[in-house]
Amino acid sequence: MQSRQTQGLEAPAEQVPLEATNRVPFNPGDHLSVSRKFAGWLPYTHHAIYIGGSEVVQFGGEVKDKPGARVGYASFDRFEKGAQARLVPHGRREGIHWLPKADPPEKIVERARFLADRSLSLPSQPYNLIGHNCEHIANWCVCGYTESHQFKRHLYVVGLAKYALFLYVSWRIRNGAAPKGLLVGVLLLSVPTTWAIHVYNREIKRFWEGIRRDWPGE
């Protein structure tokens, strides 16, 4: 079995009552996010759950950590990585999505610790950018909601762009300015999106099947 150091995780601190510190301006059970950049330019958002003291529970860290990432404990400083953490409020609309109301802090921290402790002794479901990422994990801890709005927004933007391209090519064909075969090529562009939706739902189902036996439930 790998040590916590080789997994890039930190040993959990002794469980103590839910208390914040003066240095960390958040409350235990808060869903946090921090902005990062892939390859120095492509922005993405990393999520974690603050569990008190100076610790969070997160799923992986930097992009380079993702292939072997596990849900685990990390220091608040390691989570921020020089950036500034911000609170992700629940019980609100986020674009076209609804982010359900947060459960009590004790339940959120219990879920986060359950996943982090479980990953030490049992095979972990591999990180999957599409259907099993840090936002899926954080949302489940907060309210039992296994969705990633960050990825779904990407799907919608790509879908709208492809639909606009389909309308444009169809218009060009009707006016004799493009061959009919071009429409087939445009339709084939929907294959990756369909595959991504399949992976998204498959990984969520896999998560629930994996924890059903061990999670004590509500």
C-alpha atoms as a PDB file:
ATOM      1  CA  MET A   1       0.000   0.000   0.000  1.00  0.00           C
ATOM      2  CA  GLN A   2       1.266   3.460  -0.813  1.00  0.00           C
ATOM      3  CA  SER A   3       2.208   5.789   1.980  1.00  0.00           C
ATOM      4  CA  ARG A   4       0.343   9.073   2.370  1.00  0.00           C
ATOM      5  CA  GLN A   5       3.427  10.936   1.182  1.00  0.00           C
ATOM      6  CA  THR A   6       3.601   9.055  -2.109  1.00  0.00           C
ATOM      7  CA  GLN A   7      -0.102   9.672  -2.614  1.00  0.00           C
ATOM      8  CA  GLY A   8       0.423  13.397  -2.132  1.00  0.00           C
ATOM      9  CA  LEU A   9      -1.906  13.456   0.896  1.00  0.00           C
ATOM     10  CA  GLU A  10      -1.398  14.522   4.445  1.00  0.00           C
ATOM     11  CA  ALA A  11      -2.166  12.530   7.557  1.00  0.00           C
ATOM     12  CA  PRO A  12      -5.445  13.504   9.174  1.00  0.00           C
ATOM     13  CA  ALA A  13      -5.269  15.533  12.307  1.00  0.00           C
ATOM     14  CA  GLU A  14      -6.944  14.222  15.449  1.00  0.00           C
ATOM     15  CA  GLN A  15     -10.670  14.829  15.195  1.00  0.00           C
ATOM     16  CA  VAL A  16     -11.662  17.787  17.323  1.00  0.00           C
ATOM     17  CA  PRO A  17     -14.882  19.786  17.772  1.00  0.00           C
ATOM     18  CA  LEU A  18     -15.828  21.854  14.734  1.00  0.00           C
ATOM     19  CA  GLU A  19     -13.859  25.026  15.224  1.00  0.00           C
ATOM     20  CA  ALA A  20     -12.333  27.529  12.866  1.00  0.00           C
ATOM     21  CA  THR A  21      -9.108  29.403  13.472  1.00  0.00           C
ATOM     22  CA  ASN A  22      -8.437  33.113  13.457  1.00  0.00           C
ATOM     23  CA  ARG A  23      -6.216  32.617  10.442  1.00  0.00           C
ATOM     24  CA  VAL A  24      -8.797  30.764   8.349  1.00  0.00           C
ATOM     25  CA  PRO A  25     -11.810  33.020   7.677  1.00  0.00           C
ATOM     26  CA  PHE A  26     -14.282  30.174   7.110  1.00  0.00           C
ATOM     27  CA  ASN A  27     -16.476  27.870   9.135  1.00  0.00           C
ATOM     28  CA  PRO A  28     -16.173  24.076   9.293  1.00  0.00           C
ATOM     29  CA  GLY A  29     -18.365  22.507   6.636  1.00  0.00           C
ATOM     30  CA  ASP A  30     -17.899  25.371   4.178  1.00  0.00           C
ATOM     31  CA  HIS A  31     -17.574  24.486   0.512  1.00  0.00           C
ATOM     32  CA  LEU A  32     -14.511  26.344  -0.803  1.00  0.00           C
ATOM     33  CA  SER A  33     -13.132  26.960  -4.247  1.00  0.00           C
ATOM     34  CA  VAL A  34      -9.952  28.482  -5.585  1.00  0.00           C
ATOM     35  CA  SER A  35      -9.052  29.614  -9.087  1.00  0.00           C
ATOM     36  CA  ARG A  36      -6.095  27.984 -10.793  1.00  0.00           C
ATOM     37  CA  LYS A  37      -4.630  27.823 -14.274  1.00  0.00           C
ATOM     38  CA  PHE A  38      -3.609  24.838 -16.319  1.00  0.00           C
ATOM     39  CA  ALA A  39      -0.340  25.333 -18.242  1.00  0.00           C
ATOM     40  CA  GLY A  40      -0.288  28.891 -16.941  1.00  0.00           C
ATOM     41  CA  TRP A  41      -3.243  30.166 -18.969  1.00  0.00           C
ATOM     42  CA  LEU A  42      -6.325  27.896 -19.000  1.00  0.00           C
ATOM     43  CA  PRO A  43      -8.475  28.755 -15.959  1.00  0.00           C
ATOM     44  CA  TYR A  44     -10.271  26.152 -13.883  1.00  0.00           C
ATOM     45  CA  THR A  45     -11.715  25.973 -10.374  1.00  0.00           C
ATOM     46  CA  HIS A  46     -10.591  23.571  -7.655  1.00  0.00           C
ATOM     47  CA  HIS A  47     -12.993  22.621  -4.826  1.00  0.00           C
ATOM     48  CA  ALA A  48     -12.597  21.396  -1.247  1.00  0.00           C
ATOM     49  CA  ILE A  49     -14.401  21.157   2.084  1.00  0.00           C
ATOM     50  CA  TYR A  50     -13.054  23.049   5.086  1.00  0.00           C
ATOM     51  CA  ILE A  51     -13.225  20.730   8.115  1.00  0.00           C
ATOM     52  CA  GLY A  52     -11.837  23.027  10.818  1.00  0.00           C
ATOM     53  CA  GLY A  53      -8.468  24.043  12.200  1.00  0.00           C
ATOM     54  CA  SER A  54      -6.169  24.426   9.234  1.00  0.00           C
ATOM     55  CA  GLU A  55      -7.403  21.439   7.217  1.00  0.00           C
ATOM     56  CA  VAL A  56      -9.530  20.762   4.178  1.00  0.00           C
ATOM     57  CA  VAL A  57     -10.614  17.585   2.439  1.00  0.00           C
ATOM     58  CA  GLN A  58      -9.985  17.706  -1.293  1.00  0.00           C
ATOM     59  CA  PHE A  59      -9.839  15.417  -4.314  1.00  0.00           C
ATOM     60  CA  GLY A  60      -6.353  15.824  -5.745  1.00  0.00           C
ATOM     61  CA  GLY A  61      -4.643  19.174  -6.089  1.00  0.00           C
ATOM     62  CA  GLU A  62      -2.651  20.360  -9.059  1.00  0.00           C
ATOM     63  CA  VAL A  63      -3.438  19.038 -12.538  1.00  0.00           C
ATOM     64  CA  LYS A  64      -0.271  16.911 -12.441  1.00  0.00           C
ATOM     65  CA  ASP A  65      -1.643  15.110  -9.373  1.00  0.00           C
ATOM     66  CA  LYS A  66      -4.887  13.993 -11.005  1.00  0.00           C
ATOM     67  CA  PRO A  67      -3.897  10.594 -12.457  1.00  0.00           C
ATOM     68  CA  GLY A  68      -3.198   9.202  -8.984  1.00  0.00           C
ATOM     69  CA  ALA A  69      -5.445  11.521  -7.026  1.00  0.00           C
ATOM     70  CA  ARG A  70      -7.386  10.385  -3.969  1.00  0.00           C
ATOM     71  CA  VAL A  71      -9.815  12.144  -1.695  1.00  0.00           C
ATOM     72  CA  GLY A  72      -7.704  13.149   1.277  1.00  0.00           C
ATOM     73  CA  TYR A  73      -6.670  15.682   3.886  1.00  0.00           C
ATOM     74  CA  ALA A  74      -4.609  18.743   2.998  1.00  0.00           C
ATOM     75  CA  SER A  75      -3.595  21.915   4.770  1.00  0.00           C
ATOM     76  CA  PHE A  76      -5.526  25.084   4.030  1.00  0.00           C
ATOM     77  CA  ASP A  77      -2.320  26.680   2.711  1.00  0.00           C
ATOM     78  CA  ARG A  78      -1.708  23.790   0.356  1.00  0.00           C
ATOM     79  CA  PHE A  79      -5.261  24.111  -0.963  1.00  0.00           C
ATOM     80  CA  GLU A  80      -4.906  27.844  -1.590  1.00  0.00           C
ATOM     81  CA  LYS A  81      -1.470  27.536  -3.221  1.00  0.00           C
ATOM     82  CA  GLY A  82      -0.938  31.291  -3.026  1.00  0.00           C
ATOM     83  CA  ALA A  83      -4.394  32.068  -4.407  1.00  0.00           C
ATOM     84  CA  GLN A  84      -7.387  33.167  -2.328  1.00  0.00           C
ATOM     85  CA  ALA A  85     -10.062  30.670  -1.328  1.00  0.00           C
ATOM     86  CA  ARG A  86     -13.680  31.751  -1.585  1.00  0.00           C
ATOM     87  CA  LEU A  87     -16.928  30.411  -0.238  1.00  0.00           C
ATOM     88  CA  VAL A  88     -19.264  28.537  -2.597  1.00  0.00           C
ATOM     89  CA  PRO A  89     -22.776  29.442  -1.398  1.00  0.00           C
ATOM     90  CA  HIS A  90     -25.499  26.821  -1.689  1.00  0.00           C
ATOM     91  CA  GLY A  91     -29.269  27.098  -1.948  1.00  0.00           C
ATOM     92  CA  ARG A  92     -29.082  29.328  -5.025  1.00  0.00           C
ATOM     93  CA  ARG A  93     -29.218  29.320  -8.769  1.00  0.00           C
ATOM     94  CA  GLU A  94     -25.835  29.066 -10.463  1.00  0.00           C
ATOM     95  CA  GLY A  95     -26.399  30.066 -14.079  1.00  0.00           C
ATOM     96  CA  ILE A  96     -29.030  27.656 -15.399  1.00  0.00           C
ATOM     97  CA  HIS A  97     -28.355  25.166 -12.582  1.00  0.00           C
ATOM     98  CA  TRP A  98     -29.672  24.996  -9.046  1.00  0.00           C
ATOM     99  CA  LEU A  99     -27.165  24.322  -6.270  1.00  0.00           C
ATOM    100  CA  PRO A 100     -29.101  22.654  -3.426  1.00  0.00           C
ATOM    101  CA  LYS A 101     -29.118  23.993   0.105  1.00  0.00           C
ATOM    102  CA  ALA A 102     -26.255  22.881   2.338  1.00  0.00           C
ATOM    103  CA  ASP A 103     -26.821  20.305   5.057  1.00  0.00           C
ATOM    104  CA  PRO A 104     -25.754  20.986   8.673  1.00  0.00           C
ATOM    105  CA  PRO A 105     -21.977  21.522   9.070  1.00  0.00           C
ATOM    106  CA  GLU A 106     -21.593  18.395  11.192  1.00  0.00           C
ATOM    107  CA  LYS A 107     -23.043  16.234   8.420  1.00  0.00           C
ATOM    108  CA  ILE A 108     -20.832  17.890   5.785  1.00  0.00           C
ATOM    109  CA  VAL A 109     -17.653  17.309   7.785  1.00  0.00           C
ATOM    110  CA  GLU A 110     -18.750  13.737   8.550  1.00  0.00           C
ATOM    111  CA  ARG A 111     -19.134  12.995   4.836  1.00  0.00           C
ATOM    112  CA  ALA A 112     -15.793  14.618   3.983  1.00  0.00           C
ATOM    113  CA  ARG A 113     -13.932  12.661   6.668  1.00  0.00           C
ATOM    114  CA  PHE A 114     -15.689   9.458   5.596  1.00  0.00           C
ATOM    115  CA  LEU A 115     -14.384   9.796   2.036  1.00  0.00           C
ATOM    116  CA  ALA A 116     -10.878  10.814   3.126  1.00  0.00           C
ATOM    117  CA  ASP A 117     -10.554   7.989   5.670  1.00  0.00           C
ATOM    118  CA  ARG A 118     -12.102   5.440   3.314  1.00  0.00           C
ATOM    119  CA  SER A 119      -9.540   6.220   0.614  1.00  0.00           C
ATOM    120  CA  LEU A 120      -6.727   5.068   2.945  1.00  0.00           C
ATOM    121  CA  SER A 121      -7.896   1.470   3.165  1.00  0.00           C
ATOM    122  CA  LEU A 122     -10.009   0.769   0.084  1.00  0.00           C
ATOM    123  CA  PRO A 123      -9.338   1.050  -3.654  1.00  0.00           C
ATOM    124  CA  SER A 124     -10.250   4.536  -4.757  1.00  0.00           C
ATOM    125  CA  GLN A 125     -12.358   5.394  -7.765  1.00  0.00           C
ATOM    126  CA  PRO A 126      -9.913   7.086 -10.165  1.00  0.00           C
ATOM    127  CA  TYR A 127     -10.187  10.791 -10.804  1.00  0.00           C
ATOM    128  CA  ASN A 128     -12.171  11.536 -13.936  1.00  0.00           C
ATOM    129  CA  LEU A 129     -12.348  15.087 -15.247  1.00  0.00           C
ATOM    130  CA  ILE A 130     -15.760  14.452 -16.779  1.00  0.00           C
ATOM    131  CA  GLY A 131     -17.686  12.502 -14.173  1.00  0.00           C
ATOM    132  CA  HIS A 132     -15.678  12.213 -10.945  1.00  0.00           C
ATOM    133  CA  ASN A 133     -13.805  15.369 -10.073  1.00  0.00           C
ATOM    134  CA  CYS A 134     -13.254  17.622  -7.068  1.00  0.00           C
ATOM    135  CA  GLU A 135     -16.538  19.478  -7.564  1.00  0.00           C
ATOM    136  CA  HIS A 136     -18.557  16.245  -7.611  1.00  0.00           C
ATOM    137  CA  ILE A 137     -16.961  15.265  -4.297  1.00  0.00           C
ATOM    138  CA  ALA A 138     -17.426  18.668  -2.639  1.00  0.00           C
ATOM    139  CA  ASN A 139     -21.069  18.895  -3.677  1.00  0.00           C
ATOM    140  CA  TRP A 140     -21.789  15.408  -2.352  1.00  0.00           C
ATOM    141  CA  CYS A 141     -20.234  16.297   0.982  1.00  0.00           C
ATOM    142  CA  VAL A 142     -22.303  19.469   1.248  1.00  0.00           C
ATOM    143  CA  CYS A 143     -25.722  18.177   0.202  1.00  0.00           C
ATOM    144  CA  GLY A 144     -25.531  14.699  -1.330  1.00  0.00           C
ATOM    145  CA  TYR A 145     -25.593  16.265  -4.801  1.00  0.00           C
ATOM    146  CA  THR A 146     -23.162  14.556  -7.185  1.00  0.00           C
ATOM    147  CA  GLU A 147     -22.941  17.071  -9.996  1.00  0.00           C
ATOM    148  CA  SER A 148     -20.226  19.275 -11.490  1.00  0.00           C
ATOM    149  CA  HIS A 149     -21.642  22.559 -12.761  1.00  0.00           C
ATOM    150  CA  GLN A 150     -18.213  23.524 -14.060  1.00  0.00           C
ATOM    151  CA  PHE A 151     -18.195  20.619 -16.499  1.00  0.00           C
ATOM    152  CA  LYS A 152     -21.893  20.889 -17.368  1.00  0.00           C
ATOM    153  CA  ARG A 153     -21.393  24.529 -18.337  1.00  0.00           C
ATOM    154  CA  HIS A 154     -18.667  23.370 -20.702  1.00  0.00           C
ATOM    155  CA  LEU A 155     -21.030  20.809 -22.235  1.00  0.00           C
ATOM    156  CA  TYR A 156     -23.725  23.415 -22.775  1.00  0.00           C
ATOM    157  CA  VAL A 157     -21.342  25.899 -24.387  1.00  0.00           C
ATOM    158  CA  VAL A 158     -19.969  23.230 -26.714  1.00  0.00           C
ATOM    159  CA  GLY A 159     -23.490  22.040 -27.506  1.00  0.00           C
ATOM    160  CA  LEU A 160     -24.683  25.537 -28.381  1.00  0.00           C
ATOM    161  CA  ALA A 161     -21.627  26.117 -30.568  1.00  0.00           C
ATOM    162  CA  LYS A 162     -22.274  22.887 -32.475  1.00  0.00           C
ATOM    163  CA  TYR A 163     -25.947  23.746 -32.900  1.00  0.00           C
ATOM    164  CA  ALA A 164     -25.030  27.162 -34.278  1.00  0.00           C
ATOM    165  CA  LEU A 165     -22.594  25.506 -36.683  1.00  0.00           C
ATOM    166  CA  PHE A 166     -25.317  23.053 -37.760  1.00  0.00           C
ATOM    167  CA  LEU A 167     -27.717  25.913 -38.547  1.00  0.00           C
ATOM    168  CA  TYR A 168     -25.041  27.810 -40.456  1.00  0.00           C
ATOM    169  CA  VAL A 169     -24.026  24.804 -42.570  1.00  0.00           C
ATOM    170  CA  SER A 170     -27.681  23.960 -43.237  1.00  0.00           C
ATOM    171  CA  TRP A 171     -28.260  27.519 -44.441  1.00  0.00           C
ATOM    172  CA  ARG A 172     -25.203  27.337 -46.693  1.00  0.00           C
ATOM    173  CA  ILE A 173     -26.404  24.030 -48.190  1.00  0.00           C
ATOM    174  CA  ARG A 174     -29.886  25.405 -48.866  1.00  0.00           C
ATOM    175  CA  ASN A 175     -28.324  28.288 -50.747  1.00  0.00           C
ATOM    176  CA  GLY A 176     -26.074  25.976 -52.774  1.00  0.00           C
ATOM    177  CA  ALA A 177     -22.920  27.371 -51.197  1.00  0.00           C
ATOM    178  CA  ALA A 178     -21.814  24.110 -49.529  1.00  0.00           C
ATOM    179  CA  PRO A 179     -22.006  20.394 -50.427  1.00  0.00           C
ATOM    180  CA  LYS A 180     -24.622  18.283 -48.633  1.00  0.00           C
ATOM    181  CA  GLY A 181     -21.933  15.914 -47.409  1.00  0.00           C
ATOM    182  CA  LEU A 182     -20.627  18.652 -45.148  1.00  0.00           C
ATOM    183  CA  LEU A 183     -23.684  18.236 -42.963  1.00  0.00           C
ATOM    184  CA  VAL A 184     -22.651  14.668 -42.159  1.00  0.00           C
ATOM    185  CA  GLY A 185     -19.340  15.941 -40.853  1.00  0.00           C
ATOM    186  CA  VAL A 186     -21.110  18.456 -38.638  1.00  0.00           C
ATOM    187  CA  LEU A 187     -23.401  15.765 -37.240  1.00  0.00           C
ATOM    188  CA  LEU A 188     -20.390  13.584 -36.438  1.00  0.00           C
ATOM    189  CA  LEU A 189     -19.166  16.343 -34.139  1.00  0.00           C
ATOM    190  CA  SER A 190     -21.939  15.352 -31.749  1.00  0.00           C
ATOM    191  CA  VAL A 191     -20.281  11.978 -31.097  1.00  0.00           C
ATOM    192  CA  PRO A 192     -17.708  13.270 -28.540  1.00  0.00           C
ATOM    193  CA  THR A 193     -20.433  15.159 -26.665  1.00  0.00           C
ATOM    194  CA  THR A 194     -22.635  12.071 -26.525  1.00  0.00           C
ATOM    195  CA  TRP A 195     -19.691  10.057 -25.240  1.00  0.00           C
ATOM    196  CA  ALA A 196     -18.936  12.690 -22.579  1.00  0.00           C
ATOM    197  CA  ILE A 197     -22.536  12.590 -21.319  1.00  0.00           C
ATOM    198  CA  HIS A 198     -22.299   8.802 -21.086  1.00  0.00           C
ATOM    199  CA  VAL A 199     -19.045   8.996 -19.095  1.00  0.00           C
ATOM    200  CA  TYR A 200     -20.486  11.700 -16.836  1.00  0.00           C
ATOM    201  CA  ASN A 201     -23.459   9.560 -15.818  1.00  0.00           C
ATOM    202  CA  ARG A 202     -21.410   6.346 -15.672  1.00  0.00           C
ATOM    203  CA  GLU A 203     -18.925   7.809 -13.194  1.00  0.00           C
ATOM    204  CA  ILE A 204     -21.661   9.224 -10.940  1.00  0.00           C
ATOM    205  CA  LYS A 205     -23.345   5.823 -10.857  1.00  0.00           C
ATOM    206  CA  ARG A 206     -19.989   4.210 -10.081  1.00  0.00           C
ATOM    207  CA  PHE A 207     -19.465   6.589  -7.156  1.00  0.00           C
ATOM    208  CA  TRP A 208     -22.819   5.740  -5.594  1.00  0.00           C
ATOM    209  CA  GLU A 209     -22.288   2.018  -6.074  1.00  0.00           C
ATOM    210  CA  GLY A 210     -18.856   2.314  -4.453  1.00  0.00           C
ATOM    211  CA  ILE A 211     -19.949   4.038  -1.255  1.00  0.00           C
ATOM    212  CA  ARG A 212     -23.344   2.376  -0.794  1.00  0.00           C
ATOM    213  CA  ARG A 213     -21.930  -0.488   1.271  1.00  0.00           C
ATOM    214  CA  ASP A 214     -19.792   1.662   3.592  1.00  0.00           C
ATOM    215  CA  TRP A 215     -21.628   4.961   3.961  1.00  0.00           C
ATOM    216  CA  PRO A 216     -23.950   4.769   7.001  1.00  0.00           C
ATOM    217  CA  GLY A 217     -26.475   6.997   5.261  1.00  0.00           C
ATOM    218  CA  GLU A 218     -28.491   9.841   6.624  1.00  0.00           C
END
